[in-house]
Amino acid sequence: MSLARLWAHRWLTVILALILTACATRLPPPTTPDALFWSGRMALNIASTPAQSISAGFELKSQQQNGELQLFSPLGSTLAKLQWTPGKASLEQGGELWQDSSLDTLLIRLTGTALPIAALVDWLQARPTQVEGWRADLSQISSGKLRVISLPASTTTSTGALPQVTLLLIVEP
């Protein structure tokens, strides 16, 4: 086989692999009347020292008090999977599994901050749920955009003031 043909064969293989990867899609989960599902992209910024930033694809499933949040890389591989039921939560990340009775503990492990997940589900449904320490901008929710910001803390922890957190979700139709 000539060198030119070998290179052409390799490029064809790479292009085919990219096309197949681009065509791969996850199917939405089966729904029940009380099950909710959202997917899209998220950006989480924590104004800590040093600043922390997470950008990922996401899928959020919620049914009554149970739920699941999955984060995906730009190529679609699973970065983390967080599941919860009342009194029990688990986090799979990097081949490791953590379990705790507190969802907040595992959210801090995953993102660096405790996000108000129950309120997030309400906000994604355009419900103006009030949560102490958080403000949700629902003005663009009809176009699939949700911005959530932590309010400045009036108290400090033993390590100082709590950092500002900004979460932006872009929900796919």
N, C-alpha and C. Protein backbone atom coordinates (compact mmCIF):
# COMPACT_ATOMS: atom_id res chain seq x y z
N MET A 1 0.85 -1.17 0.00
CA MET A 1 0.00 0.00 0.00
C MET A 1 0.90 1.24 0.00
N SER A 2 0.58 2.20 -0.86
CA SER A 2 1.39 3.41 -0.96
C SER A 2 1.17 4.29 0.27
N LEU A 3 2.13 5.16 0.49
CA LEU A 3 2.05 6.06 1.63
C LEU A 3 0.84 6.99 1.51
N ALA A 4 0.56 7.48 0.31
CA ALA A 4 -0.59 8.37 0.10
C ALA A 4 -1.90 7.64 0.41
N ARG A 5 -2.00 6.37 -0.01
CA ARG A 5 -3.21 5.60 0.26
C ARG A 5 -3.36 5.30 1.74
N LEU A 6 -2.25 5.05 2.42
CA LEU A 6 -2.27 4.80 3.85
C LEU A 6 -2.78 6.03 4.60
N TRP A 7 -2.27 7.22 4.24
CA TRP A 7 -2.73 8.46 4.87
C TRP A 7 -4.20 8.72 4.58
N ALA A 8 -4.62 8.46 3.35
CA ALA A 8 -6.03 8.66 2.99
C ALA A 8 -6.92 7.72 3.82
N HIS A 9 -6.48 6.48 4.00
CA HIS A 9 -7.23 5.51 4.78
C HIS A 9 -7.34 5.97 6.24
N ARG A 10 -6.23 6.47 6.81
CA ARG A 10 -6.24 6.94 8.20
C ARG A 10 -7.17 8.14 8.36
N TRP A 11 -7.11 9.09 7.43
CA TRP A 11 -7.98 10.26 7.52
C TRP A 11 -9.44 9.87 7.38
N LEU A 12 -9.73 8.94 6.50
CA LEU A 12 -11.09 8.48 6.34
C LEU A 12 -11.60 7.84 7.64
N THR A 13 -10.75 7.08 8.30
CA THR A 13 -11.12 6.46 9.57
C THR A 13 -11.39 7.52 10.63
N VAL A 14 -10.54 8.55 10.71
CA VAL A 14 -10.73 9.62 11.68
C VAL A 14 -12.02 10.38 11.39
N ILE A 15 -12.29 10.71 10.14
CA ILE A 15 -13.50 11.44 9.77
C ILE A 15 -14.73 10.61 10.09
N LEU A 16 -14.70 9.32 9.78
CA LEU A 16 -15.83 8.45 10.08
C LEU A 16 -16.09 8.38 11.58
N ALA A 17 -15.03 8.28 12.37
CA ALA A 17 -15.18 8.24 13.83
C ALA A 17 -15.79 9.54 14.35
N LEU A 18 -15.37 10.69 13.80
CA LEU A 18 -15.94 11.97 14.22
C LEU A 18 -17.42 12.07 13.84
N ILE A 19 -17.77 11.60 12.67
CA ILE A 19 -19.17 11.64 12.24
C ILE A 19 -20.02 10.77 13.14
N LEU A 20 -19.55 9.58 13.45
CA LEU A 20 -20.31 8.68 14.33
C LEU A 20 -20.45 9.27 15.73
N THR A 21 -19.41 9.92 16.22
CA THR A 21 -19.48 10.56 17.54
C THR A 21 -20.49 11.70 17.52
N ALA A 22 -20.49 12.49 16.46
CA ALA A 22 -21.43 13.61 16.37
C ALA A 22 -22.87 13.13 16.26
N CYS A 23 -23.09 11.96 15.69
CA CYS A 23 -24.45 11.45 15.53
C CYS A 23 -24.98 10.76 16.78
N ALA A 24 -24.10 10.44 17.70
CA ALA A 24 -24.54 9.75 18.91
C ALA A 24 -25.35 10.70 19.79
N THR A 25 -26.54 10.32 20.13
CA THR A 25 -27.38 11.12 21.01
C THR A 25 -27.94 10.24 22.10
N ARG A 26 -28.18 10.86 23.25
CA ARG A 26 -28.82 10.15 24.33
C ARG A 26 -30.32 10.30 24.17
N LEU A 27 -31.03 9.23 24.40
CA LEU A 27 -32.48 9.28 24.32
C LEU A 27 -33.03 9.79 25.64
N PRO A 28 -34.07 10.64 25.61
CA PRO A 28 -34.65 11.08 26.87
C PRO A 28 -35.23 9.89 27.62
N PRO A 29 -35.23 9.97 28.94
CA PRO A 29 -35.74 8.86 29.73
C PRO A 29 -37.24 8.71 29.55
N PRO A 30 -37.76 7.51 29.79
CA PRO A 30 -39.22 7.36 29.75
C PRO A 30 -39.84 8.27 30.80
N THR A 31 -40.96 8.86 30.48
CA THR A 31 -41.57 9.79 31.41
C THR A 31 -42.82 9.19 32.03
N THR A 32 -43.06 9.60 33.24
CA THR A 32 -44.31 9.30 33.93
C THR A 32 -44.96 10.66 34.20
N PRO A 33 -46.23 10.68 34.56
CA PRO A 33 -46.90 11.97 34.74
C PRO A 33 -46.21 12.93 35.70
N ASP A 34 -45.52 12.42 36.72
CA ASP A 34 -44.88 13.32 37.68
C ASP A 34 -43.36 13.41 37.50
N ALA A 35 -42.82 12.83 36.42
CA ALA A 35 -41.38 12.90 36.17
C ALA A 35 -41.07 14.13 35.33
N LEU A 36 -39.97 14.80 35.65
CA LEU A 36 -39.53 15.98 34.93
C LEU A 36 -38.13 15.73 34.39
N PHE A 37 -37.81 16.33 33.24
CA PHE A 37 -36.51 16.10 32.61
C PHE A 37 -36.07 17.35 31.87
N TRP A 38 -34.81 17.73 32.07
CA TRP A 38 -34.21 18.84 31.33
C TRP A 38 -32.81 18.42 30.92
N SER A 39 -32.37 18.93 29.78
CA SER A 39 -30.99 18.73 29.36
C SER A 39 -30.51 19.99 28.68
N GLY A 40 -29.21 20.16 28.66
CA GLY A 40 -28.65 21.34 28.03
C GLY A 40 -27.21 21.54 28.45
N ARG A 41 -26.82 22.81 28.59
CA ARG A 41 -25.46 23.17 28.99
C ARG A 41 -25.52 24.02 30.25
N MET A 42 -24.46 23.93 31.02
CA MET A 42 -24.39 24.72 32.26
C MET A 42 -23.01 25.32 32.42
N ALA A 43 -22.97 26.45 33.09
CA ALA A 43 -21.72 27.09 33.48
C ALA A 43 -21.87 27.49 34.94
N LEU A 44 -20.96 27.04 35.77
CA LEU A 44 -20.97 27.36 37.19
C LEU A 44 -19.68 28.09 37.50
N ASN A 45 -19.79 29.30 38.06
CA ASN A 45 -18.62 30.09 38.43
C ASN A 45 -18.68 30.39 39.91
N ILE A 46 -17.57 30.11 40.60
CA ILE A 46 -17.46 30.37 42.03
C ILE A 46 -16.33 31.36 42.22
N ALA A 47 -16.65 32.52 42.76
CA ALA A 47 -15.67 33.59 42.93
C ALA A 47 -14.85 33.35 44.20
N SER A 48 -14.14 32.24 44.22
CA SER A 48 -13.29 31.90 45.35
C SER A 48 -11.84 32.22 44.98
N THR A 49 -10.93 31.96 45.88
CA THR A 49 -9.51 32.15 45.58
C THR A 49 -8.82 30.81 45.68
N PRO A 50 -8.41 30.21 44.57
CA PRO A 50 -8.57 30.69 43.19
C PRO A 50 -10.02 30.49 42.72
N ALA A 51 -10.38 31.23 41.70
CA ALA A 51 -11.73 31.13 41.13
C ALA A 51 -11.92 29.73 40.56
N GLN A 52 -13.15 29.23 40.66
CA GLN A 52 -13.49 27.91 40.13
C GLN A 52 -14.54 28.07 39.06
N SER A 53 -14.43 27.27 38.02
CA SER A 53 -15.39 27.34 36.93
C SER A 53 -15.63 25.94 36.39
N ILE A 54 -16.90 25.60 36.18
CA ILE A 54 -17.27 24.31 35.61
C ILE A 54 -18.21 24.57 34.44
N SER A 55 -17.88 24.03 33.29
CA SER A 55 -18.77 24.08 32.13
C SER A 55 -19.00 22.65 31.69
N ALA A 56 -20.26 22.28 31.47
CA ALA A 56 -20.57 20.90 31.11
C ALA A 56 -21.96 20.82 30.50
N GLY A 57 -22.20 19.72 29.81
CA GLY A 57 -23.56 19.39 29.43
C GLY A 57 -24.22 18.79 30.66
N PHE A 58 -25.54 18.86 30.72
CA PHE A 58 -26.21 18.29 31.88
C PHE A 58 -27.52 17.64 31.48
N GLU A 59 -27.94 16.71 32.30
CA GLU A 59 -29.29 16.14 32.28
C GLU A 59 -29.77 16.12 33.72
N LEU A 60 -30.94 16.68 33.94
CA LEU A 60 -31.52 16.71 35.28
C LEU A 60 -32.88 16.02 35.22
N LYS A 61 -33.03 14.98 36.05
CA LYS A 61 -34.30 14.25 36.15
C LYS A 61 -34.81 14.42 37.57
N SER A 62 -36.10 14.68 37.69
CA SER A 62 -36.68 14.87 39.01
C SER A 62 -38.06 14.23 39.05
N GLN A 63 -38.31 13.52 40.14
CA GLN A 63 -39.62 12.92 40.36
C GLN A 63 -39.90 13.00 41.84
N GLN A 64 -40.85 13.85 42.21
CA GLN A 64 -41.17 14.12 43.61
C GLN A 64 -39.90 14.49 44.34
N GLN A 65 -39.44 13.73 45.33
CA GLN A 65 -38.24 14.08 46.08
C GLN A 65 -37.00 13.33 45.61
N ASN A 66 -37.10 12.58 44.53
CA ASN A 66 -35.97 11.83 43.99
C ASN A 66 -35.42 12.57 42.78
N GLY A 67 -34.14 12.36 42.49
CA GLY A 67 -33.60 13.02 41.33
C GLY A 67 -32.25 12.47 40.91
N GLU A 68 -31.83 12.96 39.75
CA GLU A 68 -30.54 12.57 39.19
C GLU A 68 -30.00 13.72 38.37
N LEU A 69 -28.74 14.04 38.55
CA LEU A 69 -28.05 15.05 37.78
C LEU A 69 -26.81 14.41 37.18
N GLN A 70 -26.71 14.46 35.85
CA GLN A 70 -25.52 13.96 35.17
C GLN A 70 -24.83 15.11 34.47
N LEU A 71 -23.51 15.13 34.53
CA LEU A 71 -22.71 16.13 33.84
C LEU A 71 -21.88 15.44 32.77
N PHE A 72 -21.79 16.08 31.60
CA PHE A 72 -21.12 15.49 30.44
C PHE A 72 -20.05 16.41 29.89
N SER A 73 -18.99 15.81 29.36
CA SER A 73 -17.94 16.57 28.68
C SER A 73 -18.47 17.02 27.31
N PRO A 74 -17.75 17.91 26.63
CA PRO A 74 -18.18 18.33 25.29
C PRO A 74 -18.30 17.17 24.30
N LEU A 75 -17.56 16.10 24.51
CA LEU A 75 -17.65 14.94 23.62
C LEU A 75 -18.70 13.93 24.06
N GLY A 76 -19.40 14.21 25.16
CA GLY A 76 -20.49 13.36 25.59
C GLY A 76 -20.17 12.32 26.63
N SER A 77 -18.93 12.25 27.09
CA SER A 77 -18.62 11.25 28.13
C SER A 77 -19.11 11.77 29.49
N THR A 78 -19.52 10.85 30.35
CA THR A 78 -20.06 11.21 31.66
C THR A 78 -18.94 11.66 32.58
N LEU A 79 -19.05 12.87 33.10
CA LEU A 79 -18.09 13.40 34.06
C LEU A 79 -18.48 13.03 35.49
N ALA A 80 -19.78 13.08 35.76
CA ALA A 80 -20.27 12.79 37.11
C ALA A 80 -21.76 12.46 37.05
N LYS A 81 -22.19 11.66 38.03
CA LYS A 81 -23.60 11.31 38.15
C LYS A 81 -23.97 11.40 39.62
N LEU A 82 -24.93 12.26 39.91
CA LEU A 82 -25.41 12.48 41.27
C LEU A 82 -26.85 12.02 41.34
N GLN A 83 -27.17 11.16 42.32
CA GLN A 83 -28.53 10.66 42.51
C GLN A 83 -28.94 10.88 43.95
N TRP A 84 -30.25 11.16 44.16
CA TRP A 84 -30.72 11.36 45.52
C TRP A 84 -32.16 10.90 45.71
N THR A 85 -32.41 10.48 46.93
CA THR A 85 -33.74 10.16 47.44
C THR A 85 -33.76 10.77 48.84
N PRO A 86 -34.91 10.84 49.50
CA PRO A 86 -34.92 11.41 50.85
C PRO A 86 -33.94 10.67 51.78
N GLY A 87 -33.01 11.42 52.36
CA GLY A 87 -32.07 10.86 53.32
C GLY A 87 -30.91 10.08 52.73
N LYS A 88 -30.77 10.05 51.40
CA LYS A 88 -29.69 9.27 50.79
C LYS A 88 -29.28 9.92 49.46
N ALA A 89 -27.96 10.04 49.27
CA ALA A 89 -27.44 10.58 48.02
C ALA A 89 -26.18 9.83 47.63
N SER A 90 -25.93 9.72 46.33
CA SER A 90 -24.70 9.09 45.86
C SER A 90 -24.12 9.91 44.72
N LEU A 91 -22.79 9.86 44.61
CA LEU A 91 -22.06 10.57 43.58
C LEU A 91 -21.05 9.62 42.96
N GLU A 92 -21.15 9.44 41.64
CA GLU A 92 -20.15 8.68 40.89
C GLU A 92 -19.34 9.67 40.08
N GLN A 93 -18.02 9.63 40.26
CA GLN A 93 -17.14 10.54 39.54
C GLN A 93 -15.75 9.93 39.45
N GLY A 94 -15.22 9.92 38.25
CA GLY A 94 -13.86 9.42 38.06
C GLY A 94 -13.66 8.00 38.52
N GLY A 95 -14.67 7.16 38.37
CA GLY A 95 -14.55 5.76 38.77
C GLY A 95 -14.72 5.53 40.26
N GLU A 96 -15.03 6.58 41.01
CA GLU A 96 -15.23 6.44 42.45
C GLU A 96 -16.69 6.69 42.79
N LEU A 97 -17.13 6.13 43.91
CA LEU A 97 -18.50 6.28 44.37
C LEU A 97 -18.48 6.79 45.81
N TRP A 98 -19.23 7.88 46.06
CA TRP A 98 -19.40 8.42 47.40
C TRP A 98 -20.87 8.36 47.74
N GLN A 99 -21.17 8.06 48.99
CA GLN A 99 -22.55 8.05 49.46
C GLN A 99 -22.63 8.85 50.74
N ASP A 100 -23.76 9.53 50.91
CA ASP A 100 -23.94 10.36 52.09
C ASP A 100 -25.44 10.53 52.32
N SER A 101 -25.81 10.87 53.53
CA SER A 101 -27.22 11.16 53.80
C SER A 101 -27.58 12.57 53.35
N SER A 102 -26.56 13.39 53.08
CA SER A 102 -26.77 14.78 52.71
C SER A 102 -26.45 15.02 51.23
N LEU A 103 -27.43 15.48 50.48
CA LEU A 103 -27.20 15.86 49.09
C LEU A 103 -26.23 17.03 49.02
N ASP A 104 -26.35 17.99 49.95
CA ASP A 104 -25.47 19.16 49.95
C ASP A 104 -24.00 18.77 50.07
N THR A 105 -23.69 17.78 50.90
CA THR A 105 -22.30 17.33 51.07
C THR A 105 -21.73 16.86 49.74
N LEU A 106 -22.52 16.09 48.99
CA LEU A 106 -22.02 15.58 47.71
C LEU A 106 -22.01 16.68 46.63
N LEU A 107 -22.94 17.63 46.71
CA LEU A 107 -22.89 18.77 45.77
C LEU A 107 -21.63 19.59 45.99
N ILE A 108 -21.24 19.77 47.24
CA ILE A 108 -20.01 20.49 47.55
C ILE A 108 -18.81 19.73 47.01
N ARG A 109 -18.81 18.42 47.15
CA ARG A 109 -17.72 17.59 46.61
C ARG A 109 -17.65 17.73 45.09
N LEU A 110 -18.82 17.76 44.44
CA LEU A 110 -18.88 17.81 42.98
C LEU A 110 -18.59 19.20 42.43
N THR A 111 -19.21 20.23 43.02
CA THR A 111 -19.14 21.56 42.41
C THR A 111 -18.38 22.59 43.23
N GLY A 112 -18.13 22.30 44.49
CA GLY A 112 -17.49 23.29 45.35
C GLY A 112 -18.48 24.14 46.13
N THR A 113 -19.78 23.92 45.90
CA THR A 113 -20.80 24.69 46.60
C THR A 113 -22.08 23.88 46.70
N ALA A 114 -22.91 24.21 47.67
CA ALA A 114 -24.21 23.55 47.82
C ALA A 114 -25.24 24.33 47.01
N LEU A 115 -25.71 23.76 45.95
CA LEU A 115 -26.72 24.40 45.10
C LEU A 115 -28.11 24.01 45.58
N PRO A 116 -29.08 24.92 45.49
CA PRO A 116 -30.45 24.60 45.93
C PRO A 116 -31.19 23.79 44.86
N ILE A 117 -30.96 22.48 44.84
CA ILE A 117 -31.49 21.62 43.77
C ILE A 117 -33.02 21.62 43.74
N ALA A 118 -33.68 21.53 44.88
CA ALA A 118 -35.15 21.52 44.87
C ALA A 118 -35.68 22.81 44.26
N ALA A 119 -35.09 23.93 44.61
CA ALA A 119 -35.52 25.20 44.03
C ALA A 119 -35.16 25.27 42.56
N LEU A 120 -34.04 24.68 42.17
CA LEU A 120 -33.64 24.66 40.76
C LEU A 120 -34.71 23.99 39.90
N VAL A 121 -35.27 22.90 40.41
CA VAL A 121 -36.35 22.21 39.69
C VAL A 121 -37.56 23.14 39.56
N ASP A 122 -37.89 23.86 40.63
CA ASP A 122 -38.99 24.82 40.55
C ASP A 122 -38.69 25.94 39.56
N TRP A 123 -37.47 26.49 39.63
CA TRP A 123 -37.10 27.59 38.74
C TRP A 123 -37.16 27.17 37.27
N LEU A 124 -36.75 25.93 36.98
CA LEU A 124 -36.81 25.45 35.59
C LEU A 124 -38.26 25.32 35.11
N GLN A 125 -39.20 25.25 36.05
CA GLN A 125 -40.63 25.23 35.71
C GLN A 125 -41.23 26.63 35.80
N ALA A 126 -40.38 27.67 35.90
CA ALA A 126 -40.79 29.08 35.98
C ALA A 126 -41.55 29.39 37.27
N ARG A 127 -41.32 28.62 38.31
CA ARG A 127 -41.93 28.90 39.62
C ARG A 127 -40.97 29.79 40.42
N PRO A 128 -41.42 30.94 40.88
CA PRO A 128 -40.53 31.87 41.58
C PRO A 128 -40.29 31.50 43.04
N THR A 129 -39.77 30.33 43.28
CA THR A 129 -39.49 29.84 44.64
C THR A 129 -38.40 30.70 45.28
N GLN A 130 -38.64 31.11 46.51
CA GLN A 130 -37.68 31.90 47.27
C GLN A 130 -36.78 30.98 48.09
N VAL A 131 -35.48 31.19 47.99
CA VAL A 131 -34.51 30.43 48.78
C VAL A 131 -33.56 31.43 49.41
N GLU A 132 -33.43 31.35 50.72
CA GLU A 132 -32.53 32.27 51.41
C GLU A 132 -31.11 32.16 50.85
N GLY A 133 -30.55 33.29 50.50
CA GLY A 133 -29.18 33.32 50.01
C GLY A 133 -29.06 33.16 48.50
N TRP A 134 -30.18 33.01 47.79
CA TRP A 134 -30.13 32.80 46.34
C TRP A 134 -31.16 33.67 45.63
N ARG A 135 -30.83 34.08 44.42
CA ARG A 135 -31.76 34.82 43.57
C ARG A 135 -31.74 34.19 42.18
N ALA A 136 -32.92 33.88 41.67
CA ALA A 136 -33.04 33.30 40.33
C ALA A 136 -33.64 34.33 39.39
N ASP A 137 -33.02 34.50 38.23
CA ASP A 137 -33.54 35.37 37.19
C ASP A 137 -34.36 34.51 36.24
N LEU A 138 -35.68 34.59 36.35
CA LEU A 138 -36.59 33.80 35.53
C LEU A 138 -37.06 34.55 34.28
N SER A 139 -36.49 35.73 34.02
CA SER A 139 -36.97 36.55 32.91
C SER A 139 -36.77 35.92 31.54
N GLN A 140 -35.84 34.98 31.40
CA GLN A 140 -35.59 34.35 30.10
C GLN A 140 -35.88 32.85 30.12
N ILE A 141 -36.59 32.38 31.13
CA ILE A 141 -36.84 30.93 31.24
C ILE A 141 -37.66 30.41 30.07
N SER A 142 -38.54 31.23 29.49
CA SER A 142 -39.34 30.78 28.35
C SER A 142 -38.47 30.51 27.12
N SER A 143 -37.29 31.12 27.06
CA SER A 143 -36.36 30.85 25.96
C SER A 143 -35.27 29.87 26.38
N GLY A 144 -35.45 29.23 27.54
CA GLY A 144 -34.54 28.17 27.97
C GLY A 144 -33.30 28.63 28.71
N LYS A 145 -33.30 29.86 29.23
CA LYS A 145 -32.13 30.37 29.96
C LYS A 145 -32.50 30.66 31.41
N LEU A 146 -31.69 30.16 32.30
CA LEU A 146 -31.88 30.39 33.74
C LEU A 146 -30.56 30.83 34.33
N ARG A 147 -30.59 31.94 35.06
CA ARG A 147 -29.41 32.44 35.75
C ARG A 147 -29.72 32.49 37.23
N VAL A 148 -28.85 31.88 38.05
CA VAL A 148 -29.02 31.83 39.50
C VAL A 148 -27.75 32.38 40.13
N ILE A 149 -27.94 33.28 41.10
CA ILE A 149 -26.80 33.93 41.75
C ILE A 149 -26.96 33.81 43.26
N SER A 150 -25.87 33.48 43.94
CA SER A 150 -25.92 33.50 45.41
C SER A 150 -25.80 34.96 45.85
N LEU A 151 -26.53 35.29 46.89
CA LEU A 151 -26.50 36.64 47.42
C LEU A 151 -25.34 36.77 48.39
N PRO A 152 -24.82 37.98 48.56
CA PRO A 152 -23.70 38.15 49.51
C PRO A 152 -24.10 37.65 50.88
N ALA A 153 -23.21 36.92 51.48
CA ALA A 153 -23.49 36.33 52.80
C ALA A 153 -23.41 37.41 53.87
N SER A 154 -24.37 37.39 54.76
CA SER A 154 -24.34 38.33 55.87
C SER A 154 -23.49 37.78 57.01
N THR A 155 -23.17 36.50 56.92
CA THR A 155 -22.32 35.88 57.93
C THR A 155 -21.09 35.31 57.26
N THR A 156 -20.12 34.97 58.04
CA THR A 156 -18.90 34.37 57.51
C THR A 156 -18.72 33.01 58.15
N THR A 157 -17.96 32.18 57.47
CA THR A 157 -17.61 30.88 58.02
C THR A 157 -16.27 31.00 58.72
N SER A 158 -15.78 29.91 59.28
CA SER A 158 -14.48 29.94 59.96
C SER A 158 -13.35 30.25 58.99
N THR A 159 -13.59 30.05 57.68
CA THR A 159 -12.56 30.33 56.68
C THR A 159 -12.80 31.67 55.98
N GLY A 160 -13.77 32.46 56.44
CA GLY A 160 -14.02 33.77 55.85
C GLY A 160 -15.39 33.84 55.20
N ALA A 161 -15.59 34.91 54.43
CA ALA A 161 -16.87 35.12 53.76
C ALA A 161 -17.09 34.06 52.69
N LEU A 162 -18.35 33.71 52.49
CA LEU A 162 -18.69 32.73 51.45
C LEU A 162 -18.54 33.37 50.07
N PRO A 163 -18.00 32.65 49.09
CA PRO A 163 -17.81 33.25 47.77
C PRO A 163 -19.12 33.35 47.00
N GLN A 164 -19.17 34.30 46.07
CA GLN A 164 -20.34 34.45 45.20
C GLN A 164 -20.36 33.31 44.19
N VAL A 165 -21.56 32.79 43.93
CA VAL A 165 -21.74 31.68 42.98
C VAL A 165 -22.72 32.15 41.90
N THR A 166 -22.38 31.87 40.64
CA THR A 166 -23.27 32.16 39.53
C THR A 166 -23.44 30.88 38.73
N LEU A 167 -24.69 30.51 38.49
CA LEU A 167 -25.01 29.32 37.71
C LEU A 167 -25.86 29.75 36.53
N LEU A 168 -25.43 29.39 35.33
CA LEU A 168 -26.19 29.67 34.13
C LEU A 168 -26.54 28.34 33.46
N LEU A 169 -27.83 28.14 33.21
CA LEU A 169 -28.30 26.94 32.51
C LEU A 169 -28.92 27.36 31.19
N ILE A 170 -28.56 26.65 30.14
CA ILE A 170 -29.19 26.80 28.82
C ILE A 170 -29.86 25.46 28.56
N VAL A 171 -31.20 25.46 28.57
CA VAL A 171 -31.97 24.23 28.42
C VAL A 171 -32.30 24.04 26.95
N GLU A 172 -32.04 22.82 26.46
CA GLU A 172 -32.35 22.50 25.08
C GLU A 172 -33.83 22.14 24.97
N PRO A 173 -34.46 22.54 23.85
CA PRO A 173 -35.89 22.21 23.69
C PRO A 173 -36.11 20.72 23.51
